[in-house]
Amino acid sequence: MAKKQAQPAPDTAEGKPNVFSRFARYVDESKAELRKVTWPTLMETRKATLAVLGFVAVMAVILGLVDFGLSSLIKFILS
């Protein structure tokens, strides 16, 4: 049989918590989730950053060459 979870008591007469209590609950739940995160080490962060920068540099060169080639082709066709 499923265990029934306790529901927090509503803060207003309408049954809906007010903005401040909802925000406080959001902050508390966010803190709890951040405690579960496995953060990368400094070395892992550096390696990932260098990999991204390397990939961006390679793609910039490739796209630059494609752009140069296509612009040369368009100039050749139009002249």
PDB file of N, CA and C in Angstrom:
ATOM      1  N   MET A   1       0.832  -1.167   0.000  1.00  0.00           N
ATOM      2  CA  MET A   1       0.000   0.000   0.000  1.00  0.00           C
ATOM      3  C   MET A   1       0.886   1.243   0.000  1.00  0.00           C
ATOM      4  N   ALA A   2       0.540   2.218  -0.790  1.00  0.00           N
ATOM      5  CA  ALA A   2       1.347   3.422  -0.928  1.00  0.00           C
ATOM      6  C   ALA A   2       1.261   4.269   0.333  1.00  0.00           C
ATOM      7  N   LYS A   3       2.387   4.822   0.705  1.00  0.00           N
ATOM      8  CA  LYS A   3       2.453   5.678   1.873  1.00  0.00           C
ATOM      9  C   LYS A   3       1.964   7.072   1.494  1.00  0.00           C
ATOM     10  N   LYS A   4       1.132   7.639   2.284  1.00  0.00           N
ATOM     11  CA  LYS A   4       0.588   8.960   2.010  1.00  0.00           C
ATOM     12  C   LYS A   4       1.569  10.016   2.496  1.00  0.00           C
ATOM     13  N   GLN A   5       1.914  10.957   1.588  1.00  0.00           N
ATOM     14  CA  GLN A   5       2.832  12.021   1.965  1.00  0.00           C
ATOM     15  C   GLN A   5       2.062  13.136   2.650  1.00  0.00           C
ATOM     16  N   ALA A   6       2.715  13.734   3.632  1.00  0.00           N
ATOM     17  CA  ALA A   6       2.089  14.841   4.343  1.00  0.00           C
ATOM     18  C   ALA A   6       2.126  16.082   3.466  1.00  0.00           C
ATOM     19  N   GLN A   7       1.012  16.729   3.341  1.00  0.00           N
ATOM     20  CA  GLN A   7       0.912  17.957   2.564  1.00  0.00           C
ATOM     21  C   GLN A   7       1.128  19.143   3.496  1.00  0.00           C
ATOM     22  N   PRO A   8       1.900  20.151   3.049  1.00  0.00           N
ATOM     23  CA  PRO A   8       2.075  21.326   3.904  1.00  0.00           C
ATOM     24  C   PRO A   8       0.756  22.068   4.051  1.00  0.00           C
ATOM     25  N   ALA A   9       0.576  22.641   5.212  1.00  0.00           N
ATOM     26  CA  ALA A   9      -0.664  23.375   5.481  1.00  0.00           C
ATOM     27  C   ALA A   9      -0.687  24.650   4.660  1.00  0.00           C
ATOM     28  N   PRO A  10      -1.819  24.945   4.050  1.00  0.00           N
ATOM     29  CA  PRO A  10      -1.908  26.187   3.267  1.00  0.00           C
ATOM     30  C   PRO A  10      -1.779  27.406   4.166  1.00  0.00           C
ATOM     31  N   ASP A  11      -1.202  28.478   3.592  1.00  0.00           N
ATOM     32  CA  ASP A  11      -0.968  29.687   4.379  1.00  0.00           C
ATOM     33  C   ASP A  11      -2.095  30.695   4.267  1.00  0.00           C
ATOM     34  N   THR A  12      -3.004  30.495   3.351  1.00  0.00           N
ATOM     35  CA  THR A  12      -4.089  31.454   3.180  1.00  0.00           C
ATOM     36  C   THR A  12      -5.417  30.729   3.287  1.00  0.00           C
ATOM     37  N   ALA A  13      -6.458  31.500   3.396  1.00  0.00           N
ATOM     38  CA  ALA A  13      -7.790  30.926   3.556  1.00  0.00           C
ATOM     39  C   ALA A  13      -8.249  30.218   2.290  1.00  0.00           C
ATOM     40  N   GLU A  14      -7.770  30.626   1.118  1.00  0.00           N
ATOM     41  CA  GLU A  14      -8.205  30.009  -0.135  1.00  0.00           C
ATOM     42  C   GLU A  14      -7.592  28.629  -0.342  1.00  0.00           C
ATOM     43  N   GLY A  15      -6.569  28.283   0.448  1.00  0.00           N
ATOM     44  CA  GLY A  15      -5.935  26.989   0.313  1.00  0.00           C
ATOM     45  C   GLY A  15      -4.655  27.028  -0.515  1.00  0.00           C
ATOM     46  N   LYS A  16      -4.310  28.184  -1.047  1.00  0.00           N
ATOM     47  CA  LYS A  16      -3.101  28.338  -1.854  1.00  0.00           C
ATOM     48  C   LYS A  16      -2.075  29.116  -1.040  1.00  0.00           C
ATOM     49  N   PRO A  17      -0.834  28.604  -0.950  1.00  0.00           N
ATOM     50  CA  PRO A  17       0.191  29.326  -0.186  1.00  0.00           C
ATOM     51  C   PRO A  17       0.471  30.692  -0.805  1.00  0.00           C
ATOM     52  N   ASN A  18       0.850  31.646   0.038  1.00  0.00           N
ATOM     53  CA  ASN A  18       1.133  32.977  -0.488  1.00  0.00           C
ATOM     54  C   ASN A  18       2.482  32.988  -1.216  1.00  0.00           C
ATOM     55  N   VAL A  19       2.783  34.100  -1.854  1.00  0.00           N
ATOM     56  CA  VAL A  19       3.973  34.214  -2.693  1.00  0.00           C
ATOM     57  C   VAL A  19       5.249  34.003  -1.885  1.00  0.00           C
ATOM     58  N   PHE A  20       5.299  34.548  -0.696  1.00  0.00           N
ATOM     59  CA  PHE A  20       6.517  34.466   0.103  1.00  0.00           C
ATOM     60  C   PHE A  20       6.800  33.042   0.562  1.00  0.00           C
ATOM     61  N   SER A  21       5.781  32.313   0.964  1.00  0.00           N
ATOM     62  CA  SER A  21       6.017  30.936   1.404  1.00  0.00           C
ATOM     63  C   SER A  21       6.374  30.046   0.215  1.00  0.00           C
ATOM     64  N   ARG A  22       5.782  30.317  -0.959  1.00  0.00           N
ATOM     65  CA  ARG A  22       6.154  29.543  -2.160  1.00  0.00           C
ATOM     66  C   ARG A  22       7.596  29.824  -2.539  1.00  0.00           C
ATOM     67  N   PHE A  23       8.011  31.092  -2.443  1.00  0.00           N
ATOM     68  CA  PHE A  23       9.394  31.438  -2.766  1.00  0.00           C
ATOM     69  C   PHE A  23      10.358  30.801  -1.776  1.00  0.00           C
ATOM     70  N   ALA A  24      10.016  30.811  -0.496  1.00  0.00           N
ATOM     71  CA  ALA A  24      10.869  30.204   0.533  1.00  0.00           C
ATOM     72  C   ALA A  24      11.000  28.702   0.288  1.00  0.00           C
ATOM     73  N   ARG A  25       9.904  28.054  -0.082  1.00  0.00           N
ATOM     74  CA  ARG A  25       9.959  26.617  -0.378  1.00  0.00           C
ATOM     75  C   ARG A  25      10.818  26.357  -1.607  1.00  0.00           C
ATOM     76  N   TYR A  26      10.714  27.224  -2.626  1.00  0.00           N
ATOM     77  CA  TYR A  26      11.525  27.097  -3.830  1.00  0.00           C
ATOM     78  C   TYR A  26      13.008  27.193  -3.481  1.00  0.00           C
ATOM     79  N   VAL A  27      13.369  28.158  -2.639  1.00  0.00           N
ATOM     80  CA  VAL A  27      14.767  28.338  -2.254  1.00  0.00           C
ATOM     81  C   VAL A  27      15.264  27.115  -1.484  1.00  0.00           C
ATOM     82  N   ASP A  28      14.463  26.614  -0.553  1.00  0.00           N
ATOM     83  CA  ASP A  28      14.856  25.435   0.223  1.00  0.00           C
ATOM     84  C   ASP A  28      15.046  24.219  -0.674  1.00  0.00           C
ATOM     85  N   GLU A  29      14.131  24.002  -1.618  1.00  0.00           N
ATOM     86  CA  GLU A  29      14.247  22.862  -2.523  1.00  0.00           C
ATOM     87  C   GLU A  29      15.432  23.024  -3.464  1.00  0.00           C
ATOM     88  N   SER A  30      15.731  24.248  -3.858  1.00  0.00           N
ATOM     89  CA  SER A  30      16.891  24.500  -4.716  1.00  0.00           C
ATOM     90  C   SER A  30      18.182  24.184  -3.982  1.00  0.00           C
ATOM     91  N   LYS A  31      18.256  24.599  -2.721  1.00  0.00           N
ATOM     92  CA  LYS A  31      19.443  24.281  -1.915  1.00  0.00           C
ATOM     93  C   LYS A  31      19.621  22.774  -1.788  1.00  0.00           C
ATOM     94  N   ALA A  32      18.528  22.062  -1.560  1.00  0.00           N
ATOM     95  CA  ALA A  32      18.606  20.609  -1.412  1.00  0.00           C
ATOM     96  C   ALA A  32      19.094  19.964  -2.704  1.00  0.00           C
ATOM     97  N   GLU A  33      18.632  20.457  -3.859  1.00  0.00           N
ATOM     98  CA  GLU A  33      19.074  19.897  -5.135  1.00  0.00           C
ATOM     99  C   GLU A  33      20.541  20.208  -5.397  1.00  0.00           C
ATOM    100  N   LEU A  34      20.986  21.415  -5.027  1.00  0.00           N
ATOM    101  CA  LEU A  34      22.384  21.781  -5.252  1.00  0.00           C
ATOM    102  C   LEU A  34      23.333  20.953  -4.391  1.00  0.00           C
ATOM    103  N   ARG A  35      22.866  20.485  -3.245  1.00  0.00           N
ATOM    104  CA  ARG A  35      23.702  19.619  -2.410  1.00  0.00           C
ATOM    105  C   ARG A  35      23.928  18.262  -3.075  1.00  0.00           C
ATOM    106  N   LYS A  36      23.015  17.852  -3.947  1.00  0.00           N
ATOM    107  CA  LYS A  36      23.118  16.555  -4.615  1.00  0.00           C
ATOM    108  C   LYS A  36      24.061  16.588  -5.825  1.00  0.00           C
ATOM    109  N   VAL A  37      24.408  17.779  -6.284  1.00  0.00           N
ATOM    110  CA  VAL A  37      25.204  17.922  -7.500  1.00  0.00           C
ATOM    111  C   VAL A  37      26.635  17.471  -7.241  1.00  0.00           C
ATOM    112  N   THR A  38      27.198  16.727  -8.199  1.00  0.00           N
ATOM    113  CA  THR A  38      28.608  16.380  -8.158  1.00  0.00           C
ATOM    114  C   THR A  38      29.334  17.397  -9.026  1.00  0.00           C
ATOM    115  N   TRP A  39      30.022  18.317  -8.400  1.00  0.00           N
ATOM    116  CA  TRP A  39      30.680  19.393  -9.119  1.00  0.00           C
ATOM    117  C   TRP A  39      31.994  18.899  -9.699  1.00  0.00           C
ATOM    118  N   PRO A  40      32.366  19.366 -10.905  1.00  0.00           N
ATOM    119  CA  PRO A  40      33.636  18.942 -11.499  1.00  0.00           C
ATOM    120  C   PRO A  40      34.818  19.563 -10.759  1.00  0.00           C
ATOM    121  N   THR A  41      35.949  18.869 -10.849  1.00  0.00           N
ATOM    122  CA  THR A  41      37.160  19.409 -10.240  1.00  0.00           C
ATOM    123  C   THR A  41      37.706  20.524 -11.127  1.00  0.00           C
ATOM    124  N   LEU A  42      38.683  21.246 -10.611  1.00  0.00           N
ATOM    125  CA  LEU A  42      39.291  22.325 -11.384  1.00  0.00           C
ATOM    126  C   LEU A  42      39.952  21.779 -12.644  1.00  0.00           C
ATOM    127  N   MET A  43      40.605  20.633 -12.541  1.00  0.00           N
ATOM    128  CA  MET A  43      41.278  20.034 -13.703  1.00  0.00           C
ATOM    129  C   MET A  43      40.253  19.601 -14.755  1.00  0.00           C
ATOM    130  N   GLU A  44      39.144  19.012 -14.334  1.00  0.00           N
ATOM    131  CA  GLU A  44      38.096  18.623 -15.285  1.00  0.00           C
ATOM    132  C   GLU A  44      37.510  19.847 -15.989  1.00  0.00           C
ATOM    133  N   THR A  45      37.338  20.920 -15.237  1.00  0.00           N
ATOM    134  CA  THR A  45      36.800  22.149 -15.817  1.00  0.00           C
ATOM    135  C   THR A  45      37.765  22.736 -16.839  1.00  0.00           C
ATOM    136  N   ARG A  46      39.044  22.730 -16.524  1.00  0.00           N
ATOM    137  CA  ARG A  46      40.047  23.241 -17.471  1.00  0.00           C
ATOM    138  C   ARG A  46      40.075  22.403 -18.746  1.00  0.00           C
ATOM    139  N   LYS A  47      40.044  21.078 -18.599  1.00  0.00           N
ATOM    140  CA  LYS A  47      40.074  20.202 -19.775  1.00  0.00           C
ATOM    141  C   LYS A  47      38.848  20.417 -20.656  1.00  0.00           C
ATOM    142  N   ALA A  48      37.683  20.538 -20.044  1.00  0.00           N
ATOM    143  CA  ALA A  48      36.457  20.751 -20.812  1.00  0.00           C
ATOM    144  C   ALA A  48      36.488  22.110 -21.505  1.00  0.00           C
ATOM    145  N   THR A  49      37.004  23.130 -20.811  1.00  0.00           N
ATOM    146  CA  THR A  49      37.096  24.465 -21.400  1.00  0.00           C
ATOM    147  C   THR A  49      38.040  24.460 -22.593  1.00  0.00           C
ATOM    148  N   LEU A  50      39.191  23.810 -22.457  1.00  0.00           N
ATOM    149  CA  LEU A  50      40.140  23.736 -23.568  1.00  0.00           C
ATOM    150  C   LEU A  50      39.559  22.951 -24.739  1.00  0.00           C
ATOM    151  N   ALA A  51      38.808  21.898 -24.460  1.00  0.00           N
ATOM    152  CA  ALA A  51      38.174  21.131 -25.534  1.00  0.00           C
ATOM    153  C   ALA A  51      37.171  21.988 -26.292  1.00  0.00           C
ATOM    154  N   VAL A  52      36.381  22.762 -25.570  1.00  0.00           N
ATOM    155  CA  VAL A  52      35.394  23.635 -26.214  1.00  0.00           C
ATOM    156  C   VAL A  52      36.086  24.712 -27.035  1.00  0.00           C
ATOM    157  N   LEU A  53      37.115  25.348 -26.470  1.00  0.00           N
ATOM    158  CA  LEU A  53      37.837  26.387 -27.206  1.00  0.00           C
ATOM    159  C   LEU A  53      38.522  25.825 -28.444  1.00  0.00           C
ATOM    160  N   GLY A  54      39.073  24.630 -28.336  1.00  0.00           N
ATOM    161  CA  GLY A  54      39.686  23.979 -29.500  1.00  0.00           C
ATOM    162  C   GLY A  54      38.665  23.691 -30.580  1.00  0.00           C
ATOM    163  N   PHE A  55      37.522  23.170 -30.187  1.00  0.00           N
ATOM    164  CA  PHE A  55      36.462  22.880 -31.146  1.00  0.00           C
ATOM    165  C   PHE A  55      35.983  24.158 -31.830  1.00  0.00           C
ATOM    166  N   VAL A  56      35.819  25.214 -31.071  1.00  0.00           N
ATOM    167  CA  VAL A  56      35.370  26.493 -31.633  1.00  0.00           C
ATOM    168  C   VAL A  56      36.405  27.017 -32.621  1.00  0.00           C
ATOM    169  N   ALA A  57      37.688  26.909 -32.298  1.00  0.00           N
ATOM    170  CA  ALA A  57      38.736  27.384 -33.202  1.00  0.00           C
ATOM    171  C   ALA A  57      38.736  26.586 -34.506  1.00  0.00           C
ATOM    172  N   VAL A  58      38.620  25.270 -34.410  1.00  0.00           N
ATOM    173  CA  VAL A  58      38.589  24.434 -35.615  1.00  0.00           C
ATOM    174  C   VAL A  58      37.369  24.766 -36.466  1.00  0.00           C
ATOM    175  N   MET A  59      36.212  24.919 -35.848  1.00  0.00           N
ATOM    176  CA  MET A  59      34.998  25.246 -36.601  1.00  0.00           C
ATOM    177  C   MET A  59      35.088  26.630 -37.227  1.00  0.00           C
ATOM    178  N   ALA A  60      35.732  27.581 -36.544  1.00  0.00           N
ATOM    179  CA  ALA A  60      35.903  28.922 -37.107  1.00  0.00           C
ATOM    180  C   ALA A  60      36.756  28.865 -38.365  1.00  0.00           C
ATOM    181  N   VAL A  61      37.823  28.077 -38.341  1.00  0.00           N
ATOM    182  CA  VAL A  61      38.673  27.934 -39.526  1.00  0.00           C
ATOM    183  C   VAL A  61      37.895  27.272 -40.656  1.00  0.00           C
ATOM    184  N   ILE A  62      37.175  26.200 -40.363  1.00  0.00           N
ATOM    185  CA  ILE A  62      36.406  25.494 -41.396  1.00  0.00           C
ATOM    186  C   ILE A  62      35.359  26.413 -42.001  1.00  0.00           C
ATOM    187  N   LEU A  63      34.588  27.095 -41.171  1.00  0.00           N
ATOM    188  CA  LEU A  63      33.556  27.995 -41.684  1.00  0.00           C
ATOM    189  C   LEU A  63      34.158  29.178 -42.435  1.00  0.00           C
ATOM    190  N   GLY A  64      35.313  29.665 -41.998  1.00  0.00           N
ATOM    191  CA  GLY A  64      35.996  30.738 -42.715  1.00  0.00           C
ATOM    192  C   GLY A  64      36.419  30.297 -44.107  1.00  0.00           C
ATOM    193  N   LEU A  65      36.950  29.077 -44.206  1.00  0.00           N
ATOM    194  CA  LEU A  65      37.348  28.547 -45.517  1.00  0.00           C
ATOM    195  C   LEU A  65      36.133  28.341 -46.424  1.00  0.00           C
ATOM    196  N   VAL A  66      35.059  27.822 -45.877  1.00  0.00           N
ATOM    197  CA  VAL A  66      33.837  27.631 -46.670  1.00  0.00           C
ATOM    198  C   VAL A  66      33.311  28.985 -47.132  1.00  0.00           C
ATOM    199  N   ASP A  67      33.297  29.971 -46.249  1.00  0.00           N
ATOM    200  CA  ASP A  67      32.829  31.307 -46.610  1.00  0.00           C
ATOM    201  C   ASP A  67      33.704  31.911 -47.703  1.00  0.00           C
ATOM    202  N   PHE A  68      35.012  31.788 -47.554  1.00  0.00           N
ATOM    203  CA  PHE A  68      35.929  32.313 -48.565  1.00  0.00           C
ATOM    204  C   PHE A  68      35.713  31.620 -49.904  1.00  0.00           C
ATOM    205  N   GLY A  69      35.558  30.305 -49.877  1.00  0.00           N
ATOM    206  CA  GLY A  69      35.333  29.554 -51.114  1.00  0.00           C
ATOM    207  C   GLY A  69      34.032  29.932 -51.794  1.00  0.00           C
ATOM    208  N   LEU A  70      32.975  30.038 -51.027  1.00  0.00           N
ATOM    209  CA  LEU A  70      31.679  30.389 -51.618  1.00  0.00           C
ATOM    210  C   LEU A  70      31.666  31.826 -52.123  1.00  0.00           C
ATOM    211  N   SER A  71      32.293  32.748 -51.404  1.00  0.00           N
ATOM    212  CA  SER A  71      32.329  34.135 -51.881  1.00  0.00           C
ATOM    213  C   SER A  71      33.173  34.241 -53.150  1.00  0.00           C
ATOM    214  N   SER A  72      34.258  33.469 -53.239  1.00  0.00           N
ATOM    215  CA  SER A  72      35.053  33.450 -54.461  1.00  0.00           C
ATOM    216  C   SER A  72      34.241  32.884 -55.618  1.00  0.00           C
ATOM    217  N   LEU A  73      33.465  31.853 -55.364  1.00  0.00           N
ATOM    218  CA  LEU A  73      32.629  31.258 -56.402  1.00  0.00           C
ATOM    219  C   LEU A  73      31.569  32.250 -56.883  1.00  0.00           C
ATOM    220  N   ILE A  74      30.951  32.962 -55.979  1.00  0.00           N
ATOM    221  CA  ILE A  74      29.928  33.949 -56.353  1.00  0.00           C
ATOM    222  C   ILE A  74      30.572  35.078 -57.170  1.00  0.00           C
ATOM    223  N   LYS A  75      31.760  35.555 -56.736  1.00  0.00           N
ATOM    224  CA  LYS A  75      32.454  36.597 -57.506  1.00  0.00           C
ATOM    225  C   LYS A  75      32.785  36.110 -58.915  1.00  0.00           C
ATOM    226  N   PHE A  76      33.226  34.856 -59.032  1.00  0.00           N
ATOM    227  CA  PHE A  76      33.563  34.294 -60.342  1.00  0.00           C
ATOM    228  C   PHE A  76      32.328  34.215 -61.216  1.00  0.00           C
ATOM    229  N   ILE A  77      31.202  33.789 -60.644  1.00  0.00           N
ATOM    230  CA  ILE A  77      29.964  33.651 -61.424  1.00  0.00           C
ATOM    231  C   ILE A  77      29.452  35.010 -61.868  1.00  0.00           C
ATOM    232  N   LEU A  78      29.510  36.017 -60.990  1.00  0.00           N
ATOM    233  CA  LEU A  78      28.943  37.329 -61.300  1.00  0.00           C
ATOM    234  C   LEU A  78      29.866  38.201 -62.158  1.00  0.00           C
ATOM    235  N   SER A  79      31.143  37.861 -62.289  1.00  0.00           N
ATOM    236  CA  SER A  79      32.020  38.703 -63.111  1.00  0.00           C
ATOM    237  C   SER A  79      32.301  38.123 -64.470  1.00  0.00           C
TER     238      SER A  79
END
